[in-house]
Amino acid sequence: MSTTDAAPQPRWDFLATFGRPDSTLAPDTWGALLQGWFGLARQVADRLGDEVQTLVRLWDDRLQDFGREPTRHDWSTFRPLRPQGENDWSDWLAYLLESSDSGVFAHAWLGPVAGDGHAEHASPVVERELEVGDRRADLVIHWRSGDRHTHVEVKIDDPNLDKTFETARLVHDLWPASHQWTDFILLREGALDDWAPAEQRCSGQGPRVEALTWTDVAAVLRQALARDGESVTWRAWAYAFCGVVESRLLGHGPPDALRPALRQLQALRARIRVLSSIREVRTDARHA
């Protein structure tokens, strides 16, 4: 390329025109800007708080037979679920998957891994702590088709995420190569930042593993609770598990004690994400 065709080089001499702002105006100007920003943020927090209360009232009505909105109860002393380790949380998930008559919970949580409809996801066989080499797989789910399986690693505070990929590979090797697998890891929202580097480090070392969060679990449990098709026993245990997950893992306190604040904007949005699942159920019902 000739010099006449070359793109013009950027010039930076315009920076010489920049100067310090008038110091006599800066304090008042910045004070006004900050005051306006905090006022706007406060309005956002108040709106989000109002949205939470509106959704809570919808759940009060929908779940009145079970004691209304789950987070209205104090789950801190709930003994049936021991929160000492990941095995306890995994046991509950296994029970809710295996004993589901409708398949709504599994289908909404994991996607169409067993088929397109809810029914294919009902009452699978779930293996807990399956030994594979020197690893143990938390949840290995066998769907009705017989040749579709799902592997889920359940995490609360375990920082060792890299082993998930090797565990998935070892689990797959126990079944014929023609079988179809989907693999997931269940994390707290805050652990997603650690998961992305683990995926990069372990790229090519095992099957693809998709990250799910405990926020997802709470949202889809509510979807299943708001629908028909499950036994009273299943709904009662799902109601309790949902309450414990939201209070202990997500930090959702009683709605009557909610005091929207600027530092809670992200938490308020996350809570609305969970509560809004009732609107998805209503939309589905209208189009059924």
Foldseek 3Di string as FASTA:
>chain_A
DDPVPDDDDDDDVVCVPDDDPDPVCVVVVVVVVVVVVQVVLVVLLVVLLVLLVVLQVVQQVLCVVQPGQLQQDDCPPPPVQDPPDQLSVLVLVQVLQQQAQFQQLVCQQVNQQQHHHSRQSHRWHWDAQCDFPPGTFGIWTATPVRQTIETEAEDQPDLPPLCQFVVQASVCVVDDPPGHYAYEYEYAPVCVVSVVVSCVVCPPVHDDYYYHYLLSSLQSLVLVLSDDRGDPVSNNSSSSSSSCSCCPRLVDHNSVPDDRDSVCSVSSVSSSSSSCSNVVSVVVVVVD
